PDB file of N, CA and C in Angstrom:
ATOM      1  N   MET A   1     -27.781  -2.191 -11.065  1.00  0.00           N
ATOM      2  CA  MET A   1     -27.353  -1.860  -9.728  1.00  0.00           C
ATOM      3  C   MET A   1     -25.928  -2.345  -9.485  1.00  0.00           C
ATOM      4  N   LEU A   2     -25.615  -3.524  -9.989  1.00  0.00           N
ATOM      5  CA  LEU A   2     -24.282  -4.087  -9.817  1.00  0.00           C
ATOM      6  C   LEU A   2     -23.239  -3.266 -10.575  1.00  0.00           C
ATOM      7  N   VAL A   3     -23.646  -2.707 -11.719  1.00  0.00           N
ATOM      8  CA  VAL A   3     -22.735  -1.890 -12.514  1.00  0.00           C
ATOM      9  C   VAL A   3     -22.351  -0.633 -11.744  1.00  0.00           C
ATOM     10  N   PHE A   4     -23.312  -0.017 -11.063  1.00  0.00           N
ATOM     11  CA  PHE A   4     -23.016   1.180 -10.289  1.00  0.00           C
ATOM     12  C   PHE A   4     -22.080   0.870  -9.125  1.00  0.00           C
ATOM     13  N   GLY A   5     -22.258  -0.278  -8.510  1.00  0.00           N
ATOM     14  CA  GLY A   5     -21.361  -0.691  -7.426  1.00  0.00           C
ATOM     15  C   GLY A   5     -19.947  -0.919  -7.931  1.00  0.00           C
ATOM     16  N   GLY A   6     -19.826  -1.546  -9.089  1.00  0.00           N
ATOM     17  CA  GLY A   6     -18.504  -1.766  -9.681  1.00  0.00           C
ATOM     18  C   GLY A   6     -17.845  -0.462 -10.083  1.00  0.00           C
ATOM     19  N   LEU A   7     -18.643   0.450 -10.658  1.00  0.00           N
ATOM     20  CA  LEU A   7     -18.113   1.755 -11.045  1.00  0.00           C
ATOM     21  C   LEU A   7     -17.694   2.556  -9.819  1.00  0.00           C
ATOM     22  N   GLY A   8     -18.476   2.475  -8.771  1.00  0.00           N
ATOM     23  CA  GLY A   8     -18.123   3.164  -7.527  1.00  0.00           C
ATOM     24  C   GLY A   8     -16.841   2.605  -6.926  1.00  0.00           C
ATOM     25  N   SER A   9     -16.683   1.303  -6.968  1.00  0.00           N
ATOM     26  CA  SER A   9     -15.456   0.683  -6.462  1.00  0.00           C
ATOM     27  C   SER A   9     -14.251   1.110  -7.284  1.00  0.00           C
ATOM     28  N   LEU A  10     -14.428   1.210  -8.595  1.00  0.00           N
ATOM     29  CA  LEU A  10     -13.344   1.667  -9.461  1.00  0.00           C
ATOM     30  C   LEU A  10     -12.951   3.100  -9.135  1.00  0.00           C
ATOM     31  N   LEU A  11     -13.926   3.953  -8.898  1.00  0.00           N
ATOM     32  CA  LEU A  11     -13.626   5.346  -8.544  1.00  0.00           C
ATOM     33  C   LEU A  11     -12.897   5.445  -7.207  1.00  0.00           C
ATOM     34  N   VAL A  12     -13.310   4.644  -6.241  1.00  0.00           N
ATOM     35  CA  VAL A  12     -12.617   4.636  -4.953  1.00  0.00           C
ATOM     36  C   VAL A  12     -11.177   4.176  -5.139  1.00  0.00           C
ATOM     37  N   GLY A  13     -10.969   3.168  -5.960  1.00  0.00           N
ATOM     38  CA  GLY A  13      -9.610   2.696  -6.240  1.00  0.00           C
ATOM     39  C   GLY A  13      -8.764   3.758  -6.912  1.00  0.00           C
ATOM     40  N   LEU A  14      -9.359   4.514  -7.847  1.00  0.00           N
ATOM     41  CA  LEU A  14      -8.612   5.565  -8.535  1.00  0.00           C
ATOM     42  C   LEU A  14      -8.239   6.708  -7.598  1.00  0.00           C
ATOM     43  N   PHE A  15      -9.097   7.005  -6.642  1.00  0.00           N
ATOM     44  CA  PHE A  15      -8.770   8.048  -5.673  1.00  0.00           C
ATOM     45  C   PHE A  15      -7.821   7.543  -4.592  1.00  0.00           C
ATOM     46  N   TYR A  16      -7.792   6.257  -4.385  1.00  0.00           N
ATOM     47  CA  TYR A  16      -6.943   5.669  -3.353  1.00  0.00           C
ATOM     48  C   TYR A  16      -5.461   5.750  -3.729  1.00  0.00           C
ATOM     49  N   VAL A  17      -5.157   5.538  -4.992  1.00  0.00           N
ATOM     50  CA  VAL A  17      -3.757   5.456  -5.424  1.00  0.00           C
ATOM     51  C   VAL A  17      -2.981   6.739  -5.135  1.00  0.00           C
ATOM     52  N   PRO A  18      -3.450   7.930  -5.524  1.00  0.00           N
ATOM     53  CA  PRO A  18      -2.662   9.133  -5.218  1.00  0.00           C
ATOM     54  C   PRO A  18      -2.538   9.401  -3.715  1.00  0.00           C
ATOM     55  N   ALA A  19      -3.594   9.141  -2.971  1.00  0.00           N
ATOM     56  CA  ALA A  19      -3.535   9.363  -1.525  1.00  0.00           C
ATOM     57  C   ALA A  19      -2.567   8.394  -0.865  1.00  0.00           C
ATOM     58  N   ALA A  20      -2.591   7.139  -1.278  1.00  0.00           N
ATOM     59  CA  ALA A  20      -1.675   6.153  -0.711  1.00  0.00           C
ATOM     60  C   ALA A  20      -0.233   6.472  -1.084  1.00  0.00           C
ATOM     61  N   ALA A  21      -0.009   6.934  -2.303  1.00  0.00           N
ATOM     62  CA  ALA A  21       1.348   7.294  -2.719  1.00  0.00           C
ATOM     63  C   ALA A  21       1.864   8.486  -1.919  1.00  0.00           C
ATOM     64  N   ALA A  22       1.002   9.466  -1.658  1.00  0.00           N
ATOM     65  CA  ALA A  22       1.413  10.623  -0.858  1.00  0.00           C
ATOM     66  C   ALA A  22       1.743  10.207   0.574  1.00  0.00           C
ATOM     67  N   LEU A  23       0.937   9.326   1.142  1.00  0.00           N
ATOM     68  CA  LEU A  23       1.231   8.845   2.496  1.00  0.00           C
ATOM     69  C   LEU A  23       2.524   8.044   2.539  1.00  0.00           C
ATOM     70  N   GLN A  24       2.778   7.279   1.501  1.00  0.00           N
ATOM     71  CA  GLN A  24       4.013   6.500   1.453  1.00  0.00           C
ATOM     72  C   GLN A  24       5.224   7.431   1.354  1.00  0.00           C
ATOM     73  N   ARG A  25       5.138   8.468   0.513  1.00  0.00           N
ATOM     74  CA  ARG A  25       6.244   9.423   0.404  1.00  0.00           C
ATOM     75  C   ARG A  25       6.497  10.130   1.728  1.00  0.00           C
ATOM     76  N   ARG A  26       5.431  10.498   2.418  1.00  0.00           N
ATOM     77  CA  ARG A  26       5.583  11.180   3.708  1.00  0.00           C
ATOM     78  C   ARG A  26       6.193  10.231   4.743  1.00  0.00           C
ATOM     79  N   GLY A  27       5.814   8.974   4.716  1.00  0.00           N
ATOM     80  CA  GLY A  27       6.407   7.993   5.615  1.00  0.00           C
ATOM     81  C   GLY A  27       7.886   7.802   5.348  1.00  0.00           C
ATOM     82  N   GLN A  28       8.262   7.790   4.069  1.00  0.00           N
ATOM     83  CA  GLN A  28       9.676   7.667   3.719  1.00  0.00           C
ATOM     84  C   GLN A  28      10.465   8.884   4.191  1.00  0.00           C
ATOM     85  N   ARG A  29       9.884  10.085   4.039  1.00  0.00           N
ATOM     86  CA  ARG A  29      10.574  11.296   4.517  1.00  0.00           C
ATOM     87  C   ARG A  29      10.735  11.275   6.024  1.00  0.00           C
ATOM     88  N   LEU A  30       9.717  10.796   6.727  1.00  0.00           N
ATOM     89  CA  LEU A  30       9.808  10.698   8.185  1.00  0.00           C
ATOM     90  C   LEU A  30      10.920   9.733   8.585  1.00  0.00           C
ATOM     91  N   CYS A  31      11.003   8.603   7.906  1.00  0.00           N
ATOM     92  CA  CYS A  31      12.078   7.645   8.185  1.00  0.00           C
ATOM     93  C   CYS A  31      13.439   8.254   7.879  1.00  0.00           C
ATOM     94  N   ASP A  32      13.523   9.041   6.792  1.00  0.00           N
ATOM     95  CA  ASP A  32      14.781   9.697   6.458  1.00  0.00           C
ATOM     96  C   ASP A  32      15.197  10.689   7.540  1.00  0.00           C
ATOM     97  N   GLU A  33      14.216  11.409   8.083  1.00  0.00           N
ATOM     98  CA  GLU A  33      14.518  12.400   9.114  1.00  0.00           C
ATOM     99  C   GLU A  33      14.908  11.748  10.434  1.00  0.00           C
ATOM    100  N   LEU A  34      14.202  10.707  10.811  1.00  0.00           N
ATOM    101  CA  LEU A  34      14.461  10.075  12.107  1.00  0.00           C
ATOM    102  C   LEU A  34      15.694   9.186  12.101  1.00  0.00           C
ATOM    103  N   PHE A  35      15.952   8.516  10.989  1.00  0.00           N
ATOM    104  CA  PHE A  35      17.057   7.561  10.926  1.00  0.00           C
ATOM    105  C   PHE A  35      17.973   7.907   9.756  1.00  0.00           C
ATOM    106  N   SER A  36      18.665   9.016   9.876  1.00  0.00           N
ATOM    107  CA  SER A  36      19.583   9.455   8.834  1.00  0.00           C
ATOM    108  C   SER A  36      20.870   8.641   8.900  1.00  0.00           C
ATOM    109  N   LEU A  37      21.220   8.044   7.790  1.00  0.00           N
ATOM    110  CA  LEU A  37      22.433   7.227   7.733  1.00  0.00           C
ATOM    111  C   LEU A  37      23.688   8.064   7.474  1.00  0.00           C
ATOM    112  N   ASN A  38      23.532   9.353   7.206  1.00  0.00           N
ATOM    113  CA  ASN A  38      24.681  10.214   6.934  1.00  0.00           C
ATOM    114  C   ASN A  38      25.546  10.425   8.169  1.00  0.00           C
ATOM    115  N   GLU A  39      24.939  10.367   9.350  1.00  0.00           N
ATOM    116  CA  GLU A  39      25.677  10.638  10.573  1.00  0.00           C
ATOM    117  C   GLU A  39      26.368   9.406  11.144  1.00  0.00           C
ATOM    118  N   ALA A  40      25.986   8.239  10.700  1.00  0.00           N
ATOM    119  CA  ALA A  40      26.565   7.007  11.239  1.00  0.00           C
ATOM    120  C   ALA A  40      27.895   6.708  10.544  1.00  0.00           C
ATOM    121  N   THR A  41      28.886   6.334  11.352  1.00  0.00           N
ATOM    122  CA  THR A  41      30.208   6.035  10.788  1.00  0.00           C
ATOM    123  C   THR A  41      30.621   4.591  11.033  1.00  0.00           C
ATOM    124  N   GLU A  42      30.130   3.998  12.101  1.00  0.00           N
ATOM    125  CA  GLU A  42      30.504   2.620  12.421  1.00  0.00           C
ATOM    126  C   GLU A  42      29.480   1.641  11.839  1.00  0.00           C
ATOM    127  N   ALA A  43      29.971   0.460  11.545  1.00  0.00           N
ATOM    128  CA  ALA A  43      29.103  -0.542  10.934  1.00  0.00           C
ATOM    129  C   ALA A  43      27.958  -0.945  11.855  1.00  0.00           C
ATOM    130  N   THR A  44      28.234  -1.074  13.147  1.00  0.00           N
ATOM    131  CA  THR A  44      27.165  -1.477  14.075  1.00  0.00           C
ATOM    132  C   THR A  44      26.095  -0.394  14.177  1.00  0.00           C
ATOM    133  N   ALA A  45      26.500   0.860  14.129  1.00  0.00           N
ATOM    134  CA  ALA A  45      25.533   1.959  14.180  1.00  0.00           C
ATOM    135  C   ALA A  45      24.673   1.976  12.922  1.00  0.00           C
ATOM    136  N   ILE A  46      25.301   1.723  11.784  1.00  0.00           N
ATOM    137  CA  ILE A  46      24.555   1.699  10.518  1.00  0.00           C
ATOM    138  C   ILE A  46      23.552   0.560  10.515  1.00  0.00           C
ATOM    139  N   LEU A  47      23.976  -0.621  10.974  1.00  0.00           N
ATOM    140  CA  LEU A  47      23.065  -1.766  11.029  1.00  0.00           C
ATOM    141  C   LEU A  47      21.904  -1.516  11.980  1.00  0.00           C
ATOM    142  N   SER A  48      22.193  -0.903  13.111  1.00  0.00           N
ATOM    143  CA  SER A  48      21.143  -0.596  14.081  1.00  0.00           C
ATOM    144  C   SER A  48      20.145   0.411  13.501  1.00  0.00           C
ATOM    145  N   LEU A  49      20.657   1.441  12.835  1.00  0.00           N
ATOM    146  CA  LEU A  49      19.776   2.441  12.229  1.00  0.00           C
ATOM    147  C   LEU A  49      18.912   1.835  11.128  1.00  0.00           C
ATOM    148  N   THR A  50      19.517   0.993  10.295  1.00  0.00           N
ATOM    149  CA  THR A  50      18.724   0.397   9.215  1.00  0.00           C
ATOM    150  C   THR A  50      17.669  -0.565   9.747  1.00  0.00           C
ATOM    151  N   GLU A  51      17.989  -1.268  10.825  1.00  0.00           N
ATOM    152  CA  GLU A  51      16.997  -2.165  11.423  1.00  0.00           C
ATOM    153  C   GLU A  51      15.837  -1.379  12.026  1.00  0.00           C
ATOM    154  N   ASP A  52      16.162  -0.305  12.742  1.00  0.00           N
ATOM    155  CA  ASP A  52      15.114   0.533  13.329  1.00  0.00           C
ATOM    156  C   ASP A  52      14.284   1.209  12.243  1.00  0.00           C
ATOM    157  N   ARG A  53      14.959   1.637  11.190  1.00  0.00           N
ATOM    158  CA  ARG A  53      14.253   2.280  10.081  1.00  0.00           C
ATOM    159  C   ARG A  53      13.294   1.295   9.407  1.00  0.00           C
ATOM    160  N   HIS A  54      13.752   0.070   9.212  1.00  0.00           N
ATOM    161  CA  HIS A  54      12.898  -0.945   8.582  1.00  0.00           C
ATOM    162  C   HIS A  54      11.672  -1.241   9.445  1.00  0.00           C
ATOM    163  N   LYS A  55      11.867  -1.296  10.754  1.00  0.00           N
ATOM    164  CA  LYS A  55      10.730  -1.537  11.654  1.00  0.00           C
ATOM    165  C   LYS A  55       9.710  -0.407  11.552  1.00  0.00           C
ATOM    166  N   LEU A  56      10.191   0.839  11.508  1.00  0.00           N
ATOM    167  CA  LEU A  56       9.278   1.974  11.394  1.00  0.00           C
ATOM    168  C   LEU A  56       8.565   1.968  10.047  1.00  0.00           C
ATOM    169  N   GLU A  57       9.294   1.631   8.976  1.00  0.00           N
ATOM    170  CA  GLU A  57       8.659   1.550   7.660  1.00  0.00           C
ATOM    171  C   GLU A  57       7.544   0.505   7.650  1.00  0.00           C
ATOM    172  N   GLN A  58       7.777  -0.614   8.322  1.00  0.00           N
ATOM    173  CA  GLN A  58       6.734  -1.641   8.393  1.00  0.00           C
ATOM    174  C   GLN A  58       5.533  -1.149   9.180  1.00  0.00           C
ATOM    175  N   LEU A  59       5.777  -0.456  10.290  1.00  0.00           N
ATOM    176  CA  LEU A  59       4.667   0.063  11.090  1.00  0.00           C
ATOM    177  C   LEU A  59       3.857   1.101  10.325  1.00  0.00           C
ATOM    178  N   LEU A  60       4.539   1.943   9.557  1.00  0.00           N
ATOM    179  CA  LEU A  60       3.853   2.988   8.798  1.00  0.00           C
ATOM    180  C   LEU A  60       3.266   2.467   7.492  1.00  0.00           C
ATOM    181  N   GLY A  61       3.687   1.286   7.077  1.00  0.00           N
ATOM    182  CA  GLY A  61       3.239   0.759   5.794  1.00  0.00           C
ATOM    183  C   GLY A  61       3.954   1.412   4.625  1.00  0.00           C
ATOM    184  N   ALA A  62       5.095   2.029   4.892  1.00  0.00           N
ATOM    185  CA  ALA A  62       5.844   2.713   3.841  1.00  0.00           C
ATOM    186  C   ALA A  62       6.723   1.755   3.049  1.00  0.00           C
ATOM    187  N   ASP A  63       6.819   0.521   3.463  1.00  0.00           N
ATOM    188  CA  ASP A  63       7.671  -0.439   2.765  1.00  0.00           C
ATOM    189  C   ASP A  63       6.940  -1.148   1.628  1.00  0.00           C
ATOM    190  N   ARG A  64       5.660  -0.921   1.495  1.00  0.00           N
ATOM    191  CA  ARG A  64       4.914  -1.499   0.387  1.00  0.00           C
ATOM    192  C   ARG A  64       4.221  -0.376  -0.371  1.00  0.00           C
ATOM    193  N   GLY A  65       4.009  -0.589  -1.636  1.00  0.00           N
ATOM    194  CA  GLY A  65       3.441   0.451  -2.477  1.00  0.00           C
ATOM    195  C   GLY A  65       1.945   0.334  -2.642  1.00  0.00           C
ATOM    196  N   ALA A  66       1.395   1.319  -3.309  1.00  0.00           N
ATOM    197  CA  ALA A  66      -0.043   1.336  -3.562  1.00  0.00           C
ATOM    198  C   ALA A  66      -0.435   0.205  -4.509  1.00  0.00           C
ATOM    199  N   VAL A  67       0.463  -0.134  -5.421  1.00  0.00           N
ATOM    200  CA  VAL A  67       0.163  -1.214  -6.365  1.00  0.00           C
ATOM    201  C   VAL A  67       0.039  -2.544  -5.627  1.00  0.00           C
ATOM    202  N   ALA A  68       0.898  -2.765  -4.636  1.00  0.00           N
ATOM    203  CA  ALA A  68       0.812  -4.000  -3.846  1.00  0.00           C
ATOM    204  C   ALA A  68      -0.504  -4.058  -3.080  1.00  0.00           C
ATOM    205  N   ASP A  69      -0.950  -2.914  -2.560  1.00  0.00           N
ATOM    206  CA  ASP A  69      -2.238  -2.880  -1.866  1.00  0.00           C
ATOM    207  C   ASP A  69      -3.388  -3.185  -2.815  1.00  0.00           C
ATOM    208  N   LEU A  70      -3.315  -2.634  -4.025  1.00  0.00           N
ATOM    209  CA  LEU A  70      -4.374  -2.900  -4.999  1.00  0.00           C
ATOM    210  C   LEU A  70      -4.364  -4.358  -5.445  1.00  0.00           C
ATOM    211  N   GLN A  71      -3.171  -4.947  -5.575  1.00  0.00           N
ATOM    212  CA  GLN A  71      -3.098  -6.366  -5.933  1.00  0.00           C
ATOM    213  C   GLN A  71      -3.708  -7.232  -4.849  1.00  0.00           C
ATOM    214  N   THR A  72      -3.469  -6.876  -3.600  1.00  0.00           N
ATOM    215  CA  THR A  72      -4.082  -7.610  -2.495  1.00  0.00           C
ATOM    216  C   THR A  72      -5.601  -7.477  -2.549  1.00  0.00           C
ATOM    217  N   GLY A  73      -6.064  -6.275  -2.830  1.00  0.00           N
ATOM    218  CA  GLY A  73      -7.499  -6.054  -2.950  1.00  0.00           C
ATOM    219  C   GLY A  73      -8.108  -6.837  -4.099  1.00  0.00           C
ATOM    220  N   LEU A  74      -7.384  -6.921  -5.220  1.00  0.00           N
ATOM    221  CA  LEU A  74      -7.888  -7.699  -6.360  1.00  0.00           C
ATOM    222  C   LEU A  74      -7.959  -9.182  -6.033  1.00  0.00           C
ATOM    223  N   ALA A  75      -6.997  -9.660  -5.270  1.00  0.00           N
ATOM    224  CA  ALA A  75      -7.027 -11.072  -4.886  1.00  0.00           C
ATOM    225  C   ALA A  75      -8.234 -11.367  -4.005  1.00  0.00           C
ATOM    226  N   ILE A  76      -8.643 -10.388  -3.239  1.00  0.00           N
ATOM    227  CA  ILE A  76      -9.791 -10.575  -2.359  1.00  0.00           C
ATOM    228  C   ILE A  76     -11.100 -10.400  -3.128  1.00  0.00           C
ATOM    229  N   ILE A  77     -11.162  -9.378  -3.962  1.00  0.00           N
ATOM    230  CA  ILE A  77     -12.427  -9.066  -4.616  1.00  0.00           C
ATOM    231  C   ILE A  77     -12.624  -9.835  -5.924  1.00  0.00           C
ATOM    232  N   GLY A  78     -11.568 -10.431  -6.459  1.00  0.00           N
ATOM    233  CA  GLY A  78     -11.671 -11.190  -7.713  1.00  0.00           C
ATOM    234  C   GLY A  78     -12.750 -12.260  -7.691  1.00  0.00           C
ATOM    235  N   PRO A  79     -12.729 -13.157  -6.707  1.00  0.00           N
ATOM    236  CA  PRO A  79     -13.785 -14.174  -6.658  1.00  0.00           C
ATOM    237  C   PRO A  79     -15.190 -13.593  -6.502  1.00  0.00           C
ATOM    238  N   LEU A  80     -15.300 -12.477  -5.804  1.00  0.00           N
ATOM    239  CA  LEU A  80     -16.617 -11.842  -5.662  1.00  0.00           C
ATOM    240  C   LEU A  80     -17.119 -11.331  -7.002  1.00  0.00           C
ATOM    241  N   LEU A  81     -16.220 -10.759  -7.801  1.00  0.00           N
ATOM    242  CA  LEU A  81     -16.621 -10.274  -9.120  1.00  0.00           C
ATOM    243  C   LEU A  81     -17.020 -11.420 -10.043  1.00  0.00           C
ATOM    244  N   VAL A  82     -16.304 -12.514  -9.963  1.00  0.00           N
ATOM    245  CA  VAL A  82     -16.640 -13.682 -10.791  1.00  0.00           C
ATOM    246  C   VAL A  82     -18.016 -14.212 -10.405  1.00  0.00           C
ATOM    247  N   ASN A  83     -18.275 -14.304  -9.118  1.00  0.00           N
ATOM    248  CA  ASN A  83     -19.583 -14.781  -8.675  1.00  0.00           C
ATOM    249  C   ASN A  83     -20.702 -13.829  -9.065  1.00  0.00           C
ATOM    250  N   ALA A  84     -20.428 -12.531  -9.002  1.00  0.00           N
ATOM    251  CA  ALA A  84     -21.433 -11.564  -9.417  1.00  0.00           C
ATOM    252  C   ALA A  84     -21.722 -11.688 -10.908  1.00  0.00           C
ATOM    253  N   GLY A  85     -20.679 -11.886 -11.702  1.00  0.00           N
ATOM    254  CA  GLY A  85     -20.886 -12.093 -13.143  1.00  0.00           C
ATOM    255  C   GLY A  85     -21.669 -13.354 -13.425  1.00  0.00           C
ATOM    256  N   ALA A  86     -21.381 -14.410 -12.671  1.00  0.00           N
ATOM    257  CA  ALA A  86     -22.124 -15.659 -12.846  1.00  0.00           C
ATOM    258  C   ALA A  86     -23.586 -15.484 -12.458  1.00  0.00           C
ATOM    259  N   ALA A  87     -23.832 -14.679 -11.447  1.00  0.00           N
ATOM    260  CA  ALA A  87     -25.216 -14.431 -11.021  1.00  0.00           C
ATOM    261  C   ALA A  87     -25.980 -13.654 -12.082  1.00  0.00           C
ATOM    262  N   LEU A  88     -25.298 -12.760 -12.781  1.00  0.00           N
ATOM    263  CA  LEU A  88     -25.965 -11.995 -13.838  1.00  0.00           C
ATOM    264  C   LEU A  88     -26.242 -12.845 -15.076  1.00  0.00           C
ATOM    265  N   LEU A  89     -25.350 -13.786 -15.354  1.00  0.00           N
ATOM    266  CA  LEU A  89     -25.509 -14.622 -16.540  1.00  0.00           C
ATOM    267  C   LEU A  89     -26.421 -15.817 -16.322  1.00  0.00           C
ATOM    268  N   ALA A  90     -26.675 -16.166 -15.087  1.00  0.00           N
ATOM    269  CA  ALA A  90     -27.524 -17.330 -14.799  1.00  0.00           C
ATOM    270  C   ALA A  90     -28.975 -17.024 -15.191  1.00  0.00           C
ATOM    271  N   PRO A  91     -29.646 -18.010 -15.813  1.00  0.00           N
ATOM    272  CA  PRO A  91     -31.045 -17.776 -16.224  1.00  0.00           C
ATOM    273  C   PRO A  91     -32.001 -17.793 -15.085  1.00  0.00           C
TER     274      PRO A  91
END
């Protein structure tokens, strides 16, 4: 039963990566459209645009990648997997 749960979690992780990457690309395109640096000529305008763009990227989660999300998930689920393995090996 535990093997099926682990396999199911692996499949969810494999399907998560392409979807998360597509959402990240779309978030980056949205930031490019809303905060285009091509039109800014003054330094203060450029700094303001980059600050606003960074805030939007943080809100959308476009500033971190799918790999970072998976690493966070591994840090959370790692101890659970170790405990599950110990439970299977215990007599």
